[in-house]
Amino acid sequence: MTDARTFYDAIAEDYAAHFRDPLAERPLERALLAAYAEQVGPGGQVADLGCGPGAVTAYLAELGLSVFGLDLSASMVAVARRDFPGLRFEQGSMRELPLADGSLAGVVSWYSSIHTPVDELPDLFAEFHRVLAPGGRLLLAFQVGDVPLRLDRPFGHDVILDFHRRHPEQMAELLVQAGFTLRSSTVREPEVTRGESPVPQAFLLAQKEA
């Protein structure tokens, strides 16, 4: 199976074109991001981890956050820098963040933990907890389910990758174990008429205790 960096380097341009405005027909997602931005507060320093081509990063910036994007794929970062030249995007791993302890007001992991094996999630969430300041907020989005989605040769590229699905209760427990307090859990049913995967979508908001 292709690793995530190679997979996204291969499909970056096609992915960005296909998902140019991923929030356009997603009012619940826009509302959740707006609520998150209000809780973090104007000017709060936020990292959009696994930012891909940067559309969600840009939306968070429109909501008044001081946000930057980080992605494992150099090609995705290049697309994000081209399409959103006024924002900061860096290449790097969200498992080893080049950030000081307690340096962020918020972390967003918008469908970016889906390539992390379940036994490695505790370390990932511990890293999110490390870089957040006391009272900092984490927003986590993922698909719900037990069976991974395997994409084989997307957009005609010779790559393959599994996308892990999780259960909100499982993810909430892992967040609590990492030192977070769960503030909200939202599940949206699938909208298959819009070409979405036929599984629910989950959104967890957690906070590092002050």
Protein backbone atom coordinates (compact mmCIF):
# COMPACT_ATOMS: atom_id res chain seq x y z
CA MET A 1 0.00 0.00 0.00
CA THR A 2 1.24 3.50 -0.88
CA ASP A 3 2.20 5.69 2.05
CA ALA A 4 0.21 8.89 2.56
CA ARG A 5 2.92 11.27 1.36
CA THR A 6 3.40 9.46 -1.96
CA PHE A 7 -0.36 9.09 -2.42
CA TYR A 8 -1.14 12.77 -1.95
CA ASP A 9 1.89 13.98 -3.88
CA ALA A 10 0.55 12.01 -6.85
CA ILE A 11 -3.04 13.28 -6.72
CA ALA A 12 -2.60 16.82 -5.35
CA GLU A 13 -3.61 18.77 -8.46
CA ASP A 14 -6.59 16.55 -9.28
CA TYR A 15 -7.71 16.47 -5.65
CA ALA A 16 -7.58 20.27 -5.38
CA ALA A 17 -9.59 20.68 -8.58
CA HIS A 18 -12.20 18.11 -7.53
CA PHE A 19 -12.61 19.48 -3.98
CA ARG A 20 -12.08 23.17 -4.81
CA ASP A 21 -14.80 24.33 -2.40
CA PRO A 22 -15.42 21.41 -0.01
CA LEU A 23 -17.62 23.46 2.32
CA ALA A 24 -19.92 24.97 -0.34
CA GLU A 25 -22.78 22.53 0.25
CA ARG A 26 -21.94 21.68 3.85
CA PRO A 27 -23.85 24.12 6.11
CA LEU A 28 -23.37 22.00 9.23
CA GLU A 29 -19.61 21.85 8.71
CA ARG A 30 -19.46 25.61 8.16
CA ALA A 31 -21.46 26.15 11.34
CA LEU A 32 -19.16 23.87 13.35
CA LEU A 33 -16.06 25.66 12.06
CA ALA A 34 -17.67 29.02 12.88
CA ALA A 35 -18.50 27.87 16.41
CA TYR A 36 -14.95 26.59 16.81
CA ALA A 37 -13.51 29.93 15.65
CA GLU A 38 -15.72 31.82 18.10
CA GLN A 39 -14.58 29.61 20.96
CA VAL A 40 -10.90 30.02 20.08
CA GLY A 41 -11.36 33.77 19.77
CA PRO A 42 -10.29 36.41 17.24
CA GLY A 43 -6.64 36.24 16.31
CA GLY A 44 -6.10 32.92 18.03
CA GLN A 45 -3.11 31.01 16.66
CA VAL A 46 -4.44 27.81 15.07
CA ALA A 47 -2.77 24.99 13.15
CA ASP A 48 -4.75 23.21 10.43
CA LEU A 49 -2.95 19.87 10.48
CA GLY A 50 -3.16 17.78 7.33
CA CYS A 51 -4.44 20.86 5.52
CA GLY A 52 -4.28 19.43 1.99
CA PRO A 53 -4.87 22.13 -0.65
CA GLY A 54 -5.77 24.67 2.02
CA ALA A 55 -9.49 25.38 1.52
CA VAL A 56 -10.40 24.78 5.17
CA THR A 57 -7.37 26.79 6.29
CA ALA A 58 -8.60 29.70 4.19
CA TYR A 59 -12.10 29.42 5.63
CA LEU A 60 -10.72 29.53 9.17
CA ALA A 61 -8.74 32.65 8.24
CA GLU A 62 -11.96 34.25 6.94
CA LEU A 63 -13.48 33.54 10.35
CA GLY A 64 -10.80 35.71 11.99
CA LEU A 65 -8.29 33.13 13.17
CA SER A 66 -4.53 33.48 12.79
CA VAL A 67 -4.19 30.11 11.08
CA PHE A 68 -1.49 28.25 9.21
CA GLY A 69 -1.62 24.92 7.41
CA LEU A 70 0.72 21.97 7.66
CA ASP A 71 0.71 18.91 5.43
CA LEU A 72 2.91 15.88 4.87
CA SER A 73 2.67 16.23 1.08
CA ALA A 74 4.97 18.77 -0.59
CA SER A 75 2.66 18.82 -3.61
CA MET A 76 -0.37 19.64 -1.48
CA VAL A 77 1.57 22.45 0.21
CA ALA A 78 2.59 23.81 -3.19
CA VAL A 79 -1.05 23.86 -4.34
CA ALA A 80 -2.16 25.56 -1.11
CA ARG A 81 0.53 28.25 -1.40
CA ARG A 82 -0.44 28.90 -5.02
CA ASP A 83 -4.19 29.08 -4.39
CA PHE A 84 -4.01 30.98 -1.09
CA PRO A 85 -0.84 33.10 -1.36
CA GLY A 86 -1.73 35.27 1.61
CA LEU A 87 -1.62 32.35 4.05
CA ARG A 88 1.21 30.34 5.55
CA PHE A 89 1.60 26.68 4.62
CA GLU A 90 4.41 24.36 5.71
CA GLN A 91 5.41 20.78 4.95
CA GLY A 92 5.74 18.53 7.97
CA SER A 93 4.36 15.69 10.02
CA MET A 94 1.59 16.28 12.53
CA ARG A 95 3.08 13.45 14.56
CA GLU A 96 6.23 15.49 15.20
CA LEU A 97 5.15 19.11 15.19
CA PRO A 98 7.89 21.77 14.99
CA LEU A 99 6.12 23.81 17.64
CA ALA A 100 6.83 24.73 21.24
CA ASP A 101 4.77 23.32 24.08
CA GLY A 102 1.58 25.31 24.66
CA SER A 103 2.11 27.56 21.65
CA LEU A 104 -1.31 27.22 19.99
CA ALA A 105 -4.83 28.33 20.84
CA GLY A 106 -6.30 25.71 18.53
CA VAL A 107 -5.64 22.62 16.48
CA VAL A 108 -7.85 21.43 13.60
CA SER A 109 -7.55 17.88 12.31
CA TRP A 110 -10.10 17.90 9.49
CA TYR A 111 -10.14 14.31 8.21
CA SER A 112 -6.37 14.11 8.70
CA SER A 113 -6.16 11.44 11.42
CA ILE A 114 -7.73 8.90 9.05
CA HIS A 115 -4.40 7.47 7.91
CA THR A 116 -3.06 6.95 11.43
CA PRO A 117 -3.35 3.36 12.67
CA VAL A 118 -5.55 3.08 15.75
CA ASP A 119 -2.67 1.97 17.98
CA GLU A 120 -0.79 5.18 17.07
CA LEU A 121 -3.67 7.55 17.80
CA PRO A 122 -2.72 7.98 21.50
CA ASP A 123 0.67 9.39 20.48
CA LEU A 124 -0.94 11.64 17.87
CA PHE A 125 -3.44 13.06 20.35
CA ALA A 126 -0.68 13.51 22.93
CA GLU A 127 1.17 15.63 20.36
CA PHE A 128 -1.93 17.74 19.77
CA HIS A 129 -2.26 18.17 23.54
CA ARG A 130 1.40 19.16 23.88
CA VAL A 131 1.26 22.08 21.45
CA LEU A 132 -2.02 23.50 22.77
CA ALA A 133 -2.02 26.14 25.46
CA PRO A 134 -4.19 25.53 28.54
CA GLY A 135 -7.78 26.08 27.45
CA GLY A 136 -6.86 25.43 23.81
CA ARG A 137 -9.39 23.79 21.49
CA LEU A 138 -9.15 20.77 19.21
CA LEU A 139 -11.59 20.08 16.37
CA LEU A 140 -11.46 16.57 14.93
CA ALA A 141 -13.40 15.35 11.85
CA PHE A 142 -13.58 11.79 10.53
CA GLN A 143 -15.86 9.24 8.88
CA VAL A 144 -17.80 6.80 11.05
CA GLY A 145 -17.58 3.05 10.57
CA ASP A 146 -15.61 -0.15 10.95
CA VAL A 147 -14.53 -0.94 7.38
CA PRO A 148 -11.76 1.22 5.86
CA LEU A 149 -12.28 2.90 2.51
CA ARG A 150 -9.61 1.84 0.03
CA LEU A 151 -8.91 4.18 -2.87
CA ASP A 152 -7.17 2.40 -5.73
CA ARG A 153 -5.86 4.47 -8.67
CA PRO A 154 -7.78 7.68 -7.87
CA PHE A 155 -7.93 10.08 -10.80
CA GLY A 156 -6.03 7.46 -12.81
CA HIS A 157 -2.84 7.67 -10.72
CA ASP A 158 -1.05 4.43 -9.85
CA VAL A 159 -1.40 4.77 -6.07
CA ILE A 160 -3.54 3.13 -3.40
CA LEU A 161 -4.33 4.08 0.20
CA ASP A 162 -6.68 3.06 3.02
CA PHE A 163 -8.84 5.63 4.82
CA HIS A 164 -9.69 4.47 8.34
CA ARG A 165 -13.15 5.00 9.74
CA ARG A 166 -13.73 5.32 13.49
CA HIS A 167 -16.50 5.54 16.06
CA PRO A 168 -17.06 8.79 18.01
CA GLU A 169 -17.12 6.97 21.36
CA GLN A 170 -13.77 5.34 20.61
CA MET A 171 -12.18 8.62 19.55
CA ALA A 172 -13.65 10.50 22.51
CA GLU A 173 -12.16 8.00 24.95
CA LEU A 174 -8.73 8.32 23.33
CA LEU A 175 -8.95 12.11 23.60
CA VAL A 176 -9.85 11.90 27.29
CA GLN A 177 -6.91 9.55 27.86
CA ALA A 178 -4.66 12.14 26.19
CA GLY A 179 -5.79 14.79 28.67
CA PHE A 180 -8.64 16.47 26.80
CA THR A 181 -12.16 17.20 27.95
CA LEU A 182 -14.81 16.47 25.33
CA ARG A 183 -17.01 19.52 24.73
CA SER A 184 -19.25 18.30 21.91
CA SER A 185 -19.82 15.34 19.63
CA THR A 186 -21.78 15.78 16.39
CA VAL A 187 -22.66 13.11 13.84
CA ARG A 188 -24.12 13.98 10.45
CA GLU A 189 -25.85 11.35 8.39
CA PRO A 190 -24.49 10.78 4.86
CA GLU A 191 -25.77 12.75 1.88
CA VAL A 192 -25.30 10.17 -0.84
CA THR A 193 -27.21 12.27 -3.39
CA ARG A 194 -24.20 14.59 -3.41
CA GLY A 195 -21.72 11.83 -4.13
CA GLU A 196 -20.61 11.47 -0.52
CA SER A 197 -19.43 8.17 0.94
CA PRO A 198 -22.47 6.36 2.41
CA VAL A 199 -21.30 6.61 6.02
CA PRO A 200 -21.94 9.19 8.76
CA GLN A 201 -19.47 12.01 9.41
CA ALA A 202 -18.33 12.79 12.96
CA PHE A 203 -17.01 16.01 14.49
CA LEU A 204 -15.55 16.14 17.99
CA LEU A 205 -14.66 19.31 19.85
CA ALA A 206 -12.31 18.89 22.79
CA GLN A 207 -10.44 21.22 25.12
CA LYS A 208 -7.16 21.12 26.99
CA GLU A 209 -7.95 21.99 30.56
CA ALA A 210 -6.88 25.43 31.78
